[in-house]
Amino acid sequence: MEQLDLLYEQGTFVGKCRKGAQTCVLYQLEGFYVEVEYRVYRRIPAKLNCFRSTSLLDPYLELIDVEHLTG
């Protein structure tokens, strides 16, 4: 899949989270965020979701450990 190849090569990994049985991985690419939902982690992509809004980042932001930055 050419879109995924481009994403893996040029995108910046932001984070990953679970949504039910799906594993979702978030990338940033050229001003967009791209969320890839996998049926089997990193093997079978089920859905690509592209967006610019930061409101959809909440599930990922909650998982980022910033404690070492405040000490």
C-alpha atoms as a PDB file:
ATOM      1  CA  MET A   1       0.000   0.000   0.000  1.00  0.00           C
ATOM      2  CA  GLU A   2       1.712   3.176  -1.213  1.00  0.00           C
ATOM      3  CA  GLN A   3       0.047   5.463   1.342  1.00  0.00           C
ATOM      4  CA  LEU A   4       1.391   3.439   4.255  1.00  0.00           C
ATOM      5  CA  ASP A   5       4.869   3.271   2.723  1.00  0.00           C
ATOM      6  CA  LEU A   6       4.927   7.073   2.434  1.00  0.00           C
ATOM      7  CA  LEU A   7       3.652   7.418   5.991  1.00  0.00           C
ATOM      8  CA  TYR A   8       6.269   5.041   7.425  1.00  0.00           C
ATOM      9  CA  GLU A   9       9.099   6.690   5.473  1.00  0.00           C
ATOM     10  CA  GLN A  10       8.227  10.376   5.901  1.00  0.00           C
ATOM     11  CA  GLY A  11       5.831  10.547   8.840  1.00  0.00           C
ATOM     12  CA  THR A  12       6.794  11.232  12.440  1.00  0.00           C
ATOM     13  CA  PHE A  13       5.583   8.723  15.029  1.00  0.00           C
ATOM     14  CA  VAL A  14       3.522  10.469  17.713  1.00  0.00           C
ATOM     15  CA  GLY A  15       2.158   7.596  19.799  1.00  0.00           C
ATOM     16  CA  LYS A  16      -0.112   4.599  20.015  1.00  0.00           C
ATOM     17  CA  CYS A  17      -3.206   3.651  21.965  1.00  0.00           C
ATOM     18  CA  ARG A  18      -5.858   0.953  22.209  1.00  0.00           C
ATOM     19  CA  LYS A  19      -9.434   1.448  21.066  1.00  0.00           C
ATOM     20  CA  GLY A  20     -11.266  -1.710  22.003  1.00  0.00           C
ATOM     21  CA  ALA A  21      -9.595  -4.604  20.200  1.00  0.00           C
ATOM     22  CA  GLN A  22      -7.820  -2.276  17.752  1.00  0.00           C
ATOM     23  CA  THR A  23      -4.333  -0.848  18.142  1.00  0.00           C
ATOM     24  CA  CYS A  24      -4.098   2.690  16.783  1.00  0.00           C
ATOM     25  CA  VAL A  25      -0.843   4.385  15.828  1.00  0.00           C
ATOM     26  CA  LEU A  26      -0.634   8.133  15.274  1.00  0.00           C
ATOM     27  CA  TYR A  27       1.769   9.859  12.893  1.00  0.00           C
ATOM     28  CA  GLN A  28       2.261  13.484  11.864  1.00  0.00           C
ATOM     29  CA  LEU A  29       2.892  14.139   8.178  1.00  0.00           C
ATOM     30  CA  GLU A  30       3.031  17.503   6.404  1.00  0.00           C
ATOM     31  CA  GLY A  31       0.640  19.354   8.717  1.00  0.00           C
ATOM     32  CA  PHE A  32      -1.766  16.429   9.054  1.00  0.00           C
ATOM     33  CA  TYR A  33      -2.203  13.741  11.644  1.00  0.00           C
ATOM     34  CA  VAL A  34      -2.735  10.215  10.375  1.00  0.00           C
ATOM     35  CA  GLU A  35      -4.175   7.556  12.638  1.00  0.00           C
ATOM     36  CA  VAL A  36      -3.741   3.973  11.470  1.00  0.00           C
ATOM     37  CA  GLU A  37      -6.051   1.394  13.051  1.00  0.00           C
ATOM     38  CA  TYR A  38      -4.652  -2.129  12.932  1.00  0.00           C
ATOM     39  CA  ARG A  39      -6.535  -5.411  13.244  1.00  0.00           C
ATOM     40  CA  VAL A  40      -3.208  -7.090  13.929  1.00  0.00           C
ATOM     41  CA  TYR A  41      -0.623  -4.624  15.255  1.00  0.00           C
ATOM     42  CA  ARG A  42       1.654  -3.351  12.462  1.00  0.00           C
ATOM     43  CA  ARG A  43       0.460  -6.088  10.096  1.00  0.00           C
ATOM     44  CA  ILE A  44      -3.130  -5.626   8.971  1.00  0.00           C
ATOM     45  CA  PRO A  45      -4.301  -2.003   8.711  1.00  0.00           C
ATOM     46  CA  ALA A  46      -8.067  -1.721   9.025  1.00  0.00           C
ATOM     47  CA  LYS A  47      -8.518   2.024   8.594  1.00  0.00           C
ATOM     48  CA  LEU A  48      -6.664   5.288   7.956  1.00  0.00           C
ATOM     49  CA  ASN A  49      -8.017   8.455   9.551  1.00  0.00           C
ATOM     50  CA  CYS A  50      -6.474  11.779   8.429  1.00  0.00           C
ATOM     51  CA  PHE A  51      -7.181  15.008  10.313  1.00  0.00           C
ATOM     52  CA  ARG A  52      -5.763  18.403  11.280  1.00  0.00           C
ATOM     53  CA  SER A  53      -7.721  19.056  14.462  1.00  0.00           C
ATOM     54  CA  THR A  54      -5.800  18.646  17.700  1.00  0.00           C
ATOM     55  CA  SER A  55      -9.008  17.683  19.538  1.00  0.00           C
ATOM     56  CA  LEU A  56      -8.592  14.100  18.293  1.00  0.00           C
ATOM     57  CA  LEU A  57      -5.166  13.823  19.945  1.00  0.00           C
ATOM     58  CA  ASP A  58      -6.523  13.373  23.487  1.00  0.00           C
ATOM     59  CA  PRO A  59      -6.242   9.547  23.634  1.00  0.00           C
ATOM     60  CA  TYR A  60      -2.550   9.861  22.748  1.00  0.00           C
ATOM     61  CA  LEU A  61      -1.710  12.847  24.943  1.00  0.00           C
ATOM     62  CA  GLU A  62      -2.987  11.027  28.023  1.00  0.00           C
ATOM     63  CA  LEU A  63      -0.314   8.348  27.471  1.00  0.00           C
ATOM     64  CA  ILE A  64       2.688  10.687  27.213  1.00  0.00           C
ATOM     65  CA  ASP A  65       4.811  10.729  30.367  1.00  0.00           C
ATOM     66  CA  VAL A  66       5.961  14.299  31.051  1.00  0.00           C
ATOM     67  CA  GLU A  67       6.865  13.820  34.724  1.00  0.00           C
ATOM     68  CA  HIS A  68      10.604  14.004  33.959  1.00  0.00           C
ATOM     69  CA  LEU A  69      10.043  17.444  32.395  1.00  0.00           C
ATOM     70  CA  THR A  70       8.560  18.985  35.545  1.00  0.00           C
ATOM     71  CA  GLY A  71      11.226  17.880  38.008  1.00  0.00           C
END
